[in-house]
PDB file of N, CA and C in Angstrom:
ATOM      1  N   UNK A   1      -9.617  35.961  40.928  1.00  0.00           N
ATOM      2  CA  UNK A   1      -9.396  37.379  40.017  1.00  0.00           C
ATOM      3  C   UNK A   1     -10.620  37.000  39.185  1.00  0.00           C
ATOM      4  N   UNK A   2     -11.711  38.048  38.772  1.00  0.00           N
ATOM      5  CA  UNK A   2     -12.571  37.740  37.878  1.00  0.00           C
ATOM      6  C   UNK A   2     -12.170  37.926  36.735  1.00  0.00           C
ATOM      7  N   UNK A   3     -12.287  37.165  35.468  1.00  0.00           N
ATOM      8  CA  UNK A   3     -12.252  38.367  34.324  1.00  0.00           C
ATOM      9  C   UNK A   3     -13.679  38.252  33.678  1.00  0.00           C
ATOM     10  N   UNK A   4     -13.320  39.864  32.873  1.00  0.00           N
ATOM     11  CA  UNK A   4     -14.622  40.463  32.507  1.00  0.00           C
ATOM     12  C   UNK A   4     -15.289  39.549  31.410  1.00  0.00           C
ATOM     13  N   UNK A   5     -16.601  39.723  30.986  1.00  0.00           N
ATOM     14  CA  UNK A   5     -17.243  38.716  29.925  1.00  0.00           C
ATOM     15  C   UNK A   5     -16.885  39.168  29.147  1.00  0.00           C
ATOM     16  N   UNK A   6     -16.915  40.537  28.334  1.00  0.00           N
ATOM     17  CA  UNK A   6     -15.921  41.080  27.092  1.00  0.00           C
ATOM     18  C   UNK A   6     -14.868  40.304  26.828  1.00  0.00           C
ATOM     19  N   UNK A   7     -14.131  39.831  27.963  1.00  0.00           N
ATOM     20  CA  UNK A   7     -12.759  39.266  27.576  1.00  0.00           C
ATOM     21  C   UNK A   7     -12.948  37.813  27.177  1.00  0.00           C
ATOM     22  N   UNK A   8     -14.032  37.088  27.928  1.00  0.00           N
ATOM     23  CA  UNK A   8     -14.099  35.782  28.080  1.00  0.00           C
ATOM     24  C   UNK A   8     -14.725  35.618  26.619  1.00  0.00           C
ATOM     25  N   UNK A   9     -15.671  36.369  25.712  1.00  0.00           N
ATOM     26  CA  UNK A   9     -16.145  36.054  24.540  1.00  0.00           C
ATOM     27  C   UNK A   9     -14.873  36.363  23.459  1.00  0.00           C
ATOM     28  N   UNK A  10     -13.928  37.020  23.408  1.00  0.00           N
ATOM     29  CA  UNK A  10     -12.912  37.681  22.683  1.00  0.00           C
ATOM     30  C   UNK A  10     -11.966  36.191  22.590  1.00  0.00           C
ATOM     31  N   UNK A  11     -11.700  35.248  24.028  1.00  0.00           N
ATOM     32  CA  UNK A  11     -11.250  34.256  23.779  1.00  0.00           C
ATOM     33  C   UNK A  11     -12.233  33.455  23.104  1.00  0.00           C
ATOM     34  N   UNK A  12     -13.269  33.249  23.482  1.00  0.00           N
ATOM     35  CA  UNK A  12     -13.922  32.010  22.612  1.00  0.00           C
ATOM     36  C   UNK A  12     -13.671  32.369  20.931  1.00  0.00           C
ATOM     37  N   UNK A  13     -13.647  33.461  20.732  1.00  0.00           N
ATOM     38  CA  UNK A  13     -13.887  33.797  19.256  1.00  0.00           C
ATOM     39  C   UNK A  13     -12.193  34.067  18.720  1.00  0.00           C
ATOM     40  N   UNK A  14     -11.243  33.766  19.108  1.00  0.00           N
ATOM     41  CA  UNK A  14     -10.082  33.290  18.992  1.00  0.00           C
ATOM     42  C   UNK A  14      -9.802  32.443  18.110  1.00  0.00           C
ATOM     43  N   UNK A  15      -9.315  32.788  16.886  1.00  0.00           N
ATOM     44  CA  UNK A  15      -8.934  32.230  15.480  1.00  0.00           C
ATOM     45  C   UNK A  15      -7.455  31.726  15.936  1.00  0.00           C
ATOM     46  N   UNK A  16      -7.274  30.483  15.641  1.00  0.00           N
ATOM     47  CA  UNK A  16      -5.963  30.033  15.681  1.00  0.00           C
ATOM     48  C   UNK A  16      -4.895  29.953  14.409  1.00  0.00           C
ATOM     49  N   UNK A  17      -5.734  30.022  13.433  1.00  0.00           N
ATOM     50  CA  UNK A  17      -5.261  29.961  12.204  1.00  0.00           C
ATOM     51  C   UNK A  17      -4.495  28.899  11.797  1.00  0.00           C
ATOM     52  N   UNK A  18      -5.508  27.816  11.520  1.00  0.00           N
ATOM     53  CA  UNK A  18      -4.943  26.882  11.057  1.00  0.00           C
ATOM     54  C   UNK A  18      -5.748  26.374  10.210  1.00  0.00           C
ATOM     55  N   UNK A  19      -5.268  25.634   9.036  1.00  0.00           N
ATOM     56  CA  UNK A  19      -5.934  25.410   7.842  1.00  0.00           C
ATOM     57  C   UNK A  19      -5.457  24.166   7.155  1.00  0.00           C
ATOM     58  N   UNK A  20      -5.985  23.330   6.320  1.00  0.00           N
ATOM     59  CA  UNK A  20      -5.368  22.404   5.678  1.00  0.00           C
ATOM     60  C   UNK A  20      -4.224  22.692   4.931  1.00  0.00           C
ATOM     61  N   UNK A  21      -3.229  21.740   4.839  1.00  0.00           N
ATOM     62  CA  UNK A  21      -2.246  22.371   3.755  1.00  0.00           C
ATOM     63  C   UNK A  21      -1.512  20.943   3.471  1.00  0.00           C
ATOM     64  N   UNK A  22      -1.318  21.106   2.047  1.00  0.00           N
ATOM     65  CA  UNK A  22      -1.039  19.976   1.801  1.00  0.00           C
ATOM     66  C   UNK A  22       1.008  20.268   2.362  1.00  0.00           C
ATOM     67  N   UNK A  23       1.842  18.807   1.819  1.00  0.00           N
ATOM     68  CA  UNK A  23       3.193  18.853   1.505  1.00  0.00           C
ATOM     69  C   UNK A  23       3.643  19.377   2.997  1.00  0.00           C
ATOM     70  N   UNK A  24       3.090  19.215   4.278  1.00  0.00           N
ATOM     71  CA  UNK A  24       3.500  19.639   5.462  1.00  0.00           C
ATOM     72  C   UNK A  24       4.274  18.432   6.261  1.00  0.00           C
ATOM     73  N   UNK A  25       3.758  17.209   5.760  1.00  0.00           N
ATOM     74  CA  UNK A  25       4.804  16.122   6.368  1.00  0.00           C
ATOM     75  C   UNK A  25       4.746  14.995   5.212  1.00  0.00           C
ATOM     76  N   UNK A  26       5.806  14.283   5.518  1.00  0.00           N
ATOM     77  CA  UNK A  26       6.218  13.726   4.857  1.00  0.00           C
ATOM     78  C   UNK A  26       5.491  12.297   4.383  1.00  0.00           C
ATOM     79  N   UNK A  27       5.445  11.463   3.426  1.00  0.00           N
ATOM     80  CA  UNK A  27       4.536  10.613   3.070  1.00  0.00           C
ATOM     81  C   UNK A  27       3.075  10.806   2.789  1.00  0.00           C
ATOM     82  N   UNK A  28       2.740  12.234   2.611  1.00  0.00           N
ATOM     83  CA  UNK A  28       1.068  12.403   2.115  1.00  0.00           C
ATOM     84  C   UNK A  28       1.057  11.971   0.981  1.00  0.00           C
ATOM     85  N   UNK A  29       2.071  12.061  -0.050  1.00  0.00           N
ATOM     86  CA  UNK A  29       1.995  11.046  -1.462  1.00  0.00           C
ATOM     87  C   UNK A  29       1.378   9.524  -1.436  1.00  0.00           C
ATOM     88  N   UNK A  30       2.009   9.045  -0.250  1.00  0.00           N
ATOM     89  CA  UNK A  30       1.654   7.485  -0.071  1.00  0.00           C
ATOM     90  C   UNK A  30       0.412   7.503   0.711  1.00  0.00           C
ATOM     91  N   UNK A  31       0.114   8.456   1.683  1.00  0.00           N
ATOM     92  CA  UNK A  31      -0.969   8.084   2.580  1.00  0.00           C
ATOM     93  C   UNK A  31      -2.117   8.260   1.630  1.00  0.00           C
ATOM     94  N   UNK A  32      -2.489   9.338   0.505  1.00  0.00           N
ATOM     95  CA  UNK A  32      -3.027   9.323  -0.891  1.00  0.00           C
ATOM     96  C   UNK A  32      -3.445   8.214  -1.720  1.00  0.00           C
ATOM     97  N   UNK A  33      -2.038   7.694  -1.561  1.00  0.00           N
ATOM     98  CA  UNK A  33      -1.883   6.472  -2.505  1.00  0.00           C
ATOM     99  C   UNK A  33      -2.730   5.235  -1.825  1.00  0.00           C
ATOM    100  N   UNK A  34      -2.376   5.141  -0.522  1.00  0.00           N
ATOM    101  CA  UNK A  34      -3.182   4.001   0.196  1.00  0.00           C
ATOM    102  C   UNK A  34      -4.968   4.383   0.351  1.00  0.00           C
ATOM    103  N   UNK A  35      -5.167   5.272   0.564  1.00  0.00           N
ATOM    104  CA  UNK A  35      -6.655   5.783   0.429  1.00  0.00           C
ATOM    105  C   UNK A  35      -7.246   5.377  -1.042  1.00  0.00           C
ATOM    106  N   UNK A  36      -6.329   6.089  -1.953  1.00  0.00           N
ATOM    107  CA  UNK A  36      -7.267   5.283  -3.347  1.00  0.00           C
ATOM    108  C   UNK A  36      -7.104   4.043  -3.317  1.00  0.00           C
ATOM    109  N   UNK A  37      -6.233   3.419  -3.178  1.00  0.00           N
ATOM    110  CA  UNK A  37      -6.082   1.813  -2.933  1.00  0.00           C
ATOM    111  C   UNK A  37      -7.038   1.188  -2.190  1.00  0.00           C
ATOM    112  N   UNK A  38      -7.553   1.563  -1.052  1.00  0.00           N
ATOM    113  CA  UNK A  38      -8.559   1.225  -0.040  1.00  0.00           C
ATOM    114  C   UNK A  38      -9.884   1.492  -1.060  1.00  0.00           C
ATOM    115  N   UNK A  39     -10.105   2.716  -1.556  1.00  0.00           N
ATOM    116  CA  UNK A  39     -11.226   3.037  -2.165  1.00  0.00           C
ATOM    117  C   UNK A  39     -11.773   1.933  -3.193  1.00  0.00           C
ATOM    118  N   UNK A  40     -10.721   1.755  -4.029  1.00  0.00           N
ATOM    119  CA  UNK A  40     -10.618   0.977  -5.330  1.00  0.00           C
ATOM    120  C   UNK A  40     -11.094  -0.300  -4.807  1.00  0.00           C
ATOM    121  N   UNK A  41     -10.506  -1.204  -3.716  1.00  0.00           N
ATOM    122  CA  UNK A  41     -10.691  -2.235  -3.445  1.00  0.00           C
ATOM    123  C   UNK A  41     -12.187  -2.467  -2.770  1.00  0.00           C
ATOM    124  N   UNK A  42     -12.340  -0.985  -2.495  1.00  0.00           N
ATOM    125  CA  UNK A  42     -13.809  -1.194  -1.936  1.00  0.00           C
ATOM    126  C   UNK A  42     -15.018  -1.566  -2.714  1.00  0.00           C
ATOM    127  N   UNK A  43     -14.369  -0.823  -4.083  1.00  0.00           N
ATOM    128  CA  UNK A  43     -15.778  -0.743  -5.067  1.00  0.00           C
ATOM    129  C   UNK A  43     -15.339  -2.395  -5.891  1.00  0.00           C
ATOM    130  N   UNK A  44     -14.438  -2.595  -5.518  1.00  0.00           N
ATOM    131  CA  UNK A  44     -14.217  -3.660  -6.400  1.00  0.00           C
ATOM    132  C   UNK A  44     -14.976  -4.806  -5.669  1.00  0.00           C
ATOM    133  N   UNK A  45     -15.218  -4.936  -4.438  1.00  0.00           N
ATOM    134  CA  UNK A  45     -15.737  -5.929  -3.269  1.00  0.00           C
ATOM    135  C   UNK A  45     -17.299  -5.061  -3.442  1.00  0.00           C
ATOM    136  N   UNK A  46     -17.595  -4.309  -3.709  1.00  0.00           N
ATOM    137  CA  UNK A  46     -19.188  -3.537  -3.985  1.00  0.00           C
ATOM    138  C   UNK A  46     -19.863  -4.342  -5.075  1.00  0.00           C
ATOM    139  N   UNK A  47     -18.902  -4.571  -6.148  1.00  0.00           N
ATOM    140  CA  UNK A  47     -19.248  -5.289  -7.648  1.00  0.00           C
ATOM    141  C   UNK A  47     -19.399  -6.692  -7.373  1.00  0.00           C
ATOM    142  N   UNK A  48     -18.693  -7.013  -6.755  1.00  0.00           N
ATOM    143  CA  UNK A  48     -18.921  -8.841  -6.164  1.00  0.00           C
ATOM    144  C   UNK A  48     -19.974  -8.843  -5.200  1.00  0.00           C
ATOM    145  N   UNK A  49     -20.354  -7.919  -4.304  1.00  0.00           N
ATOM    146  CA  UNK A  49     -21.369  -8.110  -3.358  1.00  0.00           C
ATOM    147  C   UNK A  49     -22.769  -7.979  -4.737  1.00  0.00           C
ATOM    148  N   UNK A  50     -23.111  -6.928  -5.250  1.00  0.00           N
ATOM    149  CA  UNK A  50     -23.900  -6.814  -5.932  1.00  0.00           C
ATOM    150  C   UNK A  50     -24.046  -7.886  -7.225  1.00  0.00           C
ATOM    151  N   UNK A  51     -23.362  -8.464  -7.585  1.00  0.00           N
ATOM    152  CA  UNK A  51     -23.187  -9.559  -8.295  1.00  0.00           C
ATOM    153  C   UNK A  51     -24.080 -10.674  -7.556  1.00  0.00           C
ATOM    154  N   UNK A  52     -23.419 -11.117  -6.454  1.00  0.00           N
ATOM    155  CA  UNK A  52     -23.985 -12.117  -5.325  1.00  0.00           C
ATOM    156  C   UNK A  52     -25.484 -11.952  -5.035  1.00  0.00           C
ATOM    157  N   UNK A  53     -25.993 -10.542  -4.817  1.00  0.00           N
ATOM    158  CA  UNK A  53     -27.184 -10.103  -4.168  1.00  0.00           C
ATOM    159  C   UNK A  53     -27.831 -10.158  -5.933  1.00  0.00           C
ATOM    160  N   UNK A  54     -27.854  -9.909  -6.845  1.00  0.00           N
ATOM    161  CA  UNK A  54     -28.465 -10.072  -7.998  1.00  0.00           C
ATOM    162  C   UNK A  54     -28.726 -11.277  -8.245  1.00  0.00           C
ATOM    163  N   UNK A  55     -27.694 -12.531  -7.979  1.00  0.00           N
ATOM    164  CA  UNK A  55     -27.933 -14.256  -8.480  1.00  0.00           C
ATOM    165  C   UNK A  55     -28.995 -14.673  -7.367  1.00  0.00           C
ATOM    166  N   UNK A  56     -28.553 -14.210  -5.992  1.00  0.00           N
ATOM    167  CA  UNK A  56     -29.798 -14.809  -4.934  1.00  0.00           C
ATOM    168  C   UNK A  56     -30.990 -14.286  -5.392  1.00  0.00           C
ATOM    169  N   UNK A  57     -31.253 -13.198  -5.671  1.00  0.00           N
ATOM    170  CA  UNK A  57     -32.443 -12.213  -5.961  1.00  0.00           C
ATOM    171  C   UNK A  57     -33.124 -13.324  -6.970  1.00  0.00           C
ATOM    172  N   UNK A  58     -32.353 -13.589  -8.170  1.00  0.00           N
ATOM    173  CA  UNK A  58     -33.026 -14.260  -9.256  1.00  0.00           C
ATOM    174  C   UNK A  58     -33.359 -15.772  -9.034  1.00  0.00           C
ATOM    175  N   UNK A  59     -31.933 -16.057  -8.413  1.00  0.00           N
ATOM    176  CA  UNK A  59     -32.242 -17.779  -7.660  1.00  0.00           C
ATOM    177  C   UNK A  59     -33.989 -17.786  -7.082  1.00  0.00           C
ATOM    178  N   UNK A  60     -33.870 -16.718  -5.840  1.00  0.00           N
ATOM    179  CA  UNK A  60     -35.127 -16.888  -5.272  1.00  0.00           C
ATOM    180  C   UNK A  60     -36.435 -16.383  -6.146  1.00  0.00           C
ATOM    181  N   UNK A  61     -36.099 -15.809  -7.048  1.00  0.00           N
ATOM    182  CA  UNK A  61     -37.625 -15.542  -7.776  1.00  0.00           C
ATOM    183  C   UNK A  61     -37.873 -16.784  -8.512  1.00  0.00           C
ATOM    184  N   UNK A  62     -36.695 -17.545  -9.121  1.00  0.00           N
ATOM    185  CA  UNK A  62     -37.197 -18.818  -9.988  1.00  0.00           C
ATOM    186  C   UNK A  62     -37.332 -19.894  -9.433  1.00  0.00           C
ATOM    187  N   UNK A  63     -37.179 -20.197  -8.030  1.00  0.00           N
ATOM    188  CA  UNK A  63     -37.562 -21.216  -7.286  1.00  0.00           C
ATOM    189  C   UNK A  63     -38.598 -21.324  -6.113  1.00  0.00           C
ATOM    190  N   UNK A  64     -39.407 -20.009  -6.194  1.00  0.00           N
ATOM    191  CA  UNK A  64     -40.162 -19.505  -5.397  1.00  0.00           C
ATOM    192  C   UNK A  64     -39.983 -19.291  -3.929  1.00  0.00           C
ATOM    193  N   UNK A  65     -38.053 -19.083  -4.195  1.00  0.00           N
ATOM    194  CA  UNK A  65     -37.717 -18.786  -2.637  1.00  0.00           C
ATOM    195  C   UNK A  65     -37.855 -17.610  -1.872  1.00  0.00           C
ATOM    196  N   UNK A  66     -39.283 -17.166  -1.639  1.00  0.00           N
ATOM    197  CA  UNK A  66     -39.539 -15.703  -1.099  1.00  0.00           C
ATOM    198  C   UNK A  66     -38.653 -14.667  -0.475  1.00  0.00           C
ATOM    199  N   UNK A  67     -37.886 -15.623   0.538  1.00  0.00           N
ATOM    200  CA  UNK A  67     -36.938 -14.997   1.655  1.00  0.00           C
ATOM    201  C   UNK A  67     -36.059 -14.902   0.971  1.00  0.00           C
ATOM    202  N   UNK A  68     -35.314 -15.530   0.052  1.00  0.00           N
ATOM    203  CA  UNK A  68     -34.020 -15.353  -0.959  1.00  0.00           C
ATOM    204  C   UNK A  68     -34.298 -14.347  -1.425  1.00  0.00           C
ATOM    205  N   UNK A  69     -35.097 -14.310  -2.273  1.00  0.00           N
ATOM    206  CA  UNK A  69     -35.834 -13.261  -3.227  1.00  0.00           C
ATOM    207  C   UNK A  69     -35.546 -11.798  -2.537  1.00  0.00           C
ATOM    208  N   UNK A  70     -36.462 -11.768  -1.369  1.00  0.00           N
ATOM    209  CA  UNK A  70     -36.157 -10.726  -0.528  1.00  0.00           C
ATOM    210  C   UNK A  70     -34.799  -9.936  -0.144  1.00  0.00           C
ATOM    211  N   UNK A  71     -33.956 -10.885   0.199  1.00  0.00           N
ATOM    212  CA  UNK A  71     -32.663 -10.936   0.805  1.00  0.00           C
ATOM    213  C   UNK A  71     -31.932 -10.385  -0.492  1.00  0.00           C
ATOM    214  N   UNK A  72     -31.888 -11.060  -1.591  1.00  0.00           N
ATOM    215  CA  UNK A  72     -31.307 -10.144  -2.921  1.00  0.00           C
ATOM    216  C   UNK A  72     -31.413  -8.956  -3.539  1.00  0.00           C
ATOM    217  N   UNK A  73     -32.806  -8.476  -3.015  1.00  0.00           N
ATOM    218  CA  UNK A  73     -33.216  -7.203  -3.229  1.00  0.00           C
ATOM    219  C   UNK A  73     -32.548  -6.839  -2.293  1.00  0.00           C
ATOM    220  N   UNK A  74     -32.545  -6.643  -1.155  1.00  0.00           N
ATOM    221  CA  UNK A  74     -32.024  -6.144   0.158  1.00  0.00           C
ATOM    222  C   UNK A  74     -30.135  -5.694  -0.390  1.00  0.00           C
ATOM    223  N   UNK A  75     -29.933  -7.192  -0.680  1.00  0.00           N
ATOM    224  CA  UNK A  75     -28.199  -7.032  -0.649  1.00  0.00           C
ATOM    225  C   UNK A  75     -27.725  -6.549  -1.900  1.00  0.00           C
ATOM    226  N   UNK A  76     -28.998  -6.153  -2.949  1.00  0.00           N
ATOM    227  CA  UNK A  76     -28.582  -5.040  -4.273  1.00  0.00           C
ATOM    228  C   UNK A  76     -28.774  -3.680  -3.698  1.00  0.00           C
ATOM    229  N   UNK A  77     -29.448  -3.446  -2.933  1.00  0.00           N
ATOM    230  CA  UNK A  77     -30.101  -2.061  -2.435  1.00  0.00           C
ATOM    231  C   UNK A  77     -28.908  -1.597  -1.914  1.00  0.00           C
ATOM    232  N   UNK A  78     -28.202  -2.875  -0.775  1.00  0.00           N
ATOM    233  CA  UNK A  78     -27.150  -2.281   0.056  1.00  0.00           C
ATOM    234  C   UNK A  78     -26.003  -2.052  -0.354  1.00  0.00           C
ATOM    235  N   UNK A  79     -25.603  -2.948  -1.811  1.00  0.00           N
ATOM    236  CA  UNK A  79     -24.503  -2.583  -2.572  1.00  0.00           C
ATOM    237  C   UNK A  79     -24.430  -1.445  -3.510  1.00  0.00           C
ATOM    238  N   UNK A  80     -25.606  -1.160  -3.785  1.00  0.00           N
ATOM    239  CA  UNK A  80     -25.900   0.493  -4.450  1.00  0.00           C
ATOM    240  C   UNK A  80     -25.553   1.540  -3.869  1.00  0.00           C
ATOM    241  N   UNK A  81     -25.934   1.499  -2.489  1.00  0.00           N
ATOM    242  CA  UNK A  81     -25.906   2.525  -1.599  1.00  0.00           C
ATOM    243  C   UNK A  81     -24.003   2.668  -1.656  1.00  0.00           C
ATOM    244  N   UNK A  82     -23.497   1.147  -1.171  1.00  0.00           N
ATOM    245  CA  UNK A  82     -22.358   1.368  -1.106  1.00  0.00           C
ATOM    246  C   UNK A  82     -21.536   1.686  -1.930  1.00  0.00           C
ATOM    247  N   UNK A  83     -21.939   1.378  -3.194  1.00  0.00           N
ATOM    248  CA  UNK A  83     -21.081   2.007  -4.495  1.00  0.00           C
ATOM    249  C   UNK A  83     -21.225   3.637  -4.541  1.00  0.00           C
ATOM    250  N   UNK A  84     -22.348   4.068  -4.355  1.00  0.00           N
ATOM    251  CA  UNK A  84     -22.761   5.464  -4.067  1.00  0.00           C
ATOM    252  C   UNK A  84     -21.749   6.189  -2.976  1.00  0.00           C
ATOM    253  N   UNK A  85     -21.668   6.038  -2.170  1.00  0.00           N
ATOM    254  CA  UNK A  85     -21.020   6.404  -1.190  1.00  0.00           C
ATOM    255  C   UNK A  85     -19.551   6.518  -1.282  1.00  0.00           C
ATOM    256  N   UNK A  86     -18.953   5.105  -1.522  1.00  0.00           N
ATOM    257  CA  UNK A  86     -17.424   4.928  -2.160  1.00  0.00           C
ATOM    258  C   UNK A  86     -17.425   6.081  -3.627  1.00  0.00           C
ATOM    259  N   UNK A  87     -18.087   6.255  -4.261  1.00  0.00           N
ATOM    260  CA  UNK A  87     -17.800   6.951  -5.221  1.00  0.00           C
ATOM    261  C   UNK A  87     -17.826   8.169  -5.169  1.00  0.00           C
ATOM    262  N   UNK A  88     -18.521   8.838  -4.124  1.00  0.00           N
ATOM    263  CA  UNK A  88     -18.774   9.909  -3.537  1.00  0.00           C
ATOM    264  C   UNK A  88     -18.201  10.543  -2.703  1.00  0.00           C
ATOM    265  N   UNK A  89     -17.370   9.484  -2.155  1.00  0.00           N
ATOM    266  CA  UNK A  89     -16.481   9.785  -0.675  1.00  0.00           C
ATOM    267  C   UNK A  89     -16.117  11.105  -0.709  1.00  0.00           C
ATOM    268  N   UNK A  90     -14.920  11.450  -1.988  1.00  0.00           N
ATOM    269  CA  UNK A  90     -14.307  12.548  -2.225  1.00  0.00           C
ATOM    270  C   UNK A  90     -15.335  13.919  -1.891  1.00  0.00           C
ATOM    271  N   UNK A  91     -16.119  13.862  -2.924  1.00  0.00           N
ATOM    272  CA  UNK A  91     -17.247  14.937  -2.744  1.00  0.00           C
ATOM    273  C   UNK A  91     -17.710  15.186  -1.607  1.00  0.00           C
ATOM    274  N   UNK A  92     -18.292  14.257  -0.717  1.00  0.00           N
ATOM    275  CA  UNK A  92     -18.828  14.476   0.445  1.00  0.00           C
ATOM    276  C   UNK A  92     -18.049  15.075   1.220  1.00  0.00           C
ATOM    277  N   UNK A  93     -16.709  14.644   1.133  1.00  0.00           N
ATOM    278  CA  UNK A  93     -15.601  15.268   2.473  1.00  0.00           C
ATOM    279  C   UNK A  93     -15.199  16.908   1.706  1.00  0.00           C
ATOM    280  N   UNK A  94     -14.903  16.868   0.418  1.00  0.00           N
ATOM    281  CA  UNK A  94     -14.688  18.311  -0.114  1.00  0.00           C
ATOM    282  C   UNK A  94     -16.369  19.261   0.443  1.00  0.00           C
ATOM    283  N   UNK A  95     -17.067  18.847   0.139  1.00  0.00           N
ATOM    284  CA  UNK A  95     -18.436  19.668   0.368  1.00  0.00           C
ATOM    285  C   UNK A  95     -18.562  20.062   1.951  1.00  0.00           C
ATOM    286  N   UNK A  96     -18.507  18.846   2.841  1.00  0.00           N
ATOM    287  CA  UNK A  96     -18.275  19.422   3.935  1.00  0.00           C
ATOM    288  C   UNK A  96     -17.089  19.957   4.721  1.00  0.00           C
ATOM    289  N   UNK A  97     -15.829  19.790   4.200  1.00  0.00           N
ATOM    290  CA  UNK A  97     -15.177  20.841   4.546  1.00  0.00           C
ATOM    291  C   UNK A  97     -14.739  22.337   3.927  1.00  0.00           C
ATOM    292  N   UNK A  98     -15.258  22.387   3.250  1.00  0.00           N
ATOM    293  CA  UNK A  98     -15.719  23.907   2.419  1.00  0.00           C
ATOM    294  C   UNK A  98     -16.605  24.487   3.302  1.00  0.00           C
ATOM    295  N   UNK A  99     -17.778  23.781   3.571  1.00  0.00           N
ATOM    296  CA  UNK A  99     -19.212  24.366   4.483  1.00  0.00           C
ATOM    297  C   UNK A  99     -18.450  24.568   6.044  1.00  0.00           C
ATOM    298  N   UNK A 100     -17.727  23.643   6.345  1.00  0.00           N
ATOM    299  CA  UNK A 100     -16.901  24.042   7.778  1.00  0.00           C
ATOM    300  C   UNK A 100     -15.890  25.249   7.919  1.00  0.00           C
ATOM    301  N   UNK A 101     -15.212  25.709   6.681  1.00  0.00           N
ATOM    302  CA  UNK A 101     -14.021  26.696   6.580  1.00  0.00           C
ATOM    303  C   UNK A 101     -15.150  28.071   6.658  1.00  0.00           C
ATOM    304  N   UNK A 102     -16.458  27.608   6.156  1.00  0.00           N
ATOM    305  CA  UNK A 102     -16.942  29.103   6.024  1.00  0.00           C
ATOM    306  C   UNK A 102     -17.404  29.235   7.527  1.00  0.00           C
ATOM    307  N   UNK A 103     -17.397  28.864   8.280  1.00  0.00           N
ATOM    308  CA  UNK A 103     -17.621  28.858   9.785  1.00  0.00           C
ATOM    309  C   UNK A 103     -17.253  30.241  10.344  1.00  0.00           C
ATOM    310  N   UNK A 104     -17.222  31.114  10.943  1.00  0.00           N
ATOM    311  CA  UNK A 104     -16.578  31.822  11.534  1.00  0.00           C
ATOM    312  C   UNK A 104     -16.896  32.537  13.313  1.00  0.00           C
TER     313      UNK A 104
END
């Protein structure tokens, strides 16, 4: 039995009516707290990585170790990028979630 093309297009455009909703599952507050704690742990780790990278950069500069200086610079840039990503994580997810909800 063949299904007409118009019926197949209607089936593809079907809206299941699923939207994010808080409070539907138990433990949501605990999950948010865990994720916030992981984010804070990551930010603290990045601060340590930045301090070590800046120390390697300074040590390499003052001792003439060009390889150490270059690695310190790379580490500082990576740590700064990680800090940017961790700090902006909530905004990035909110932005793309809002963008995704506009797709019809």
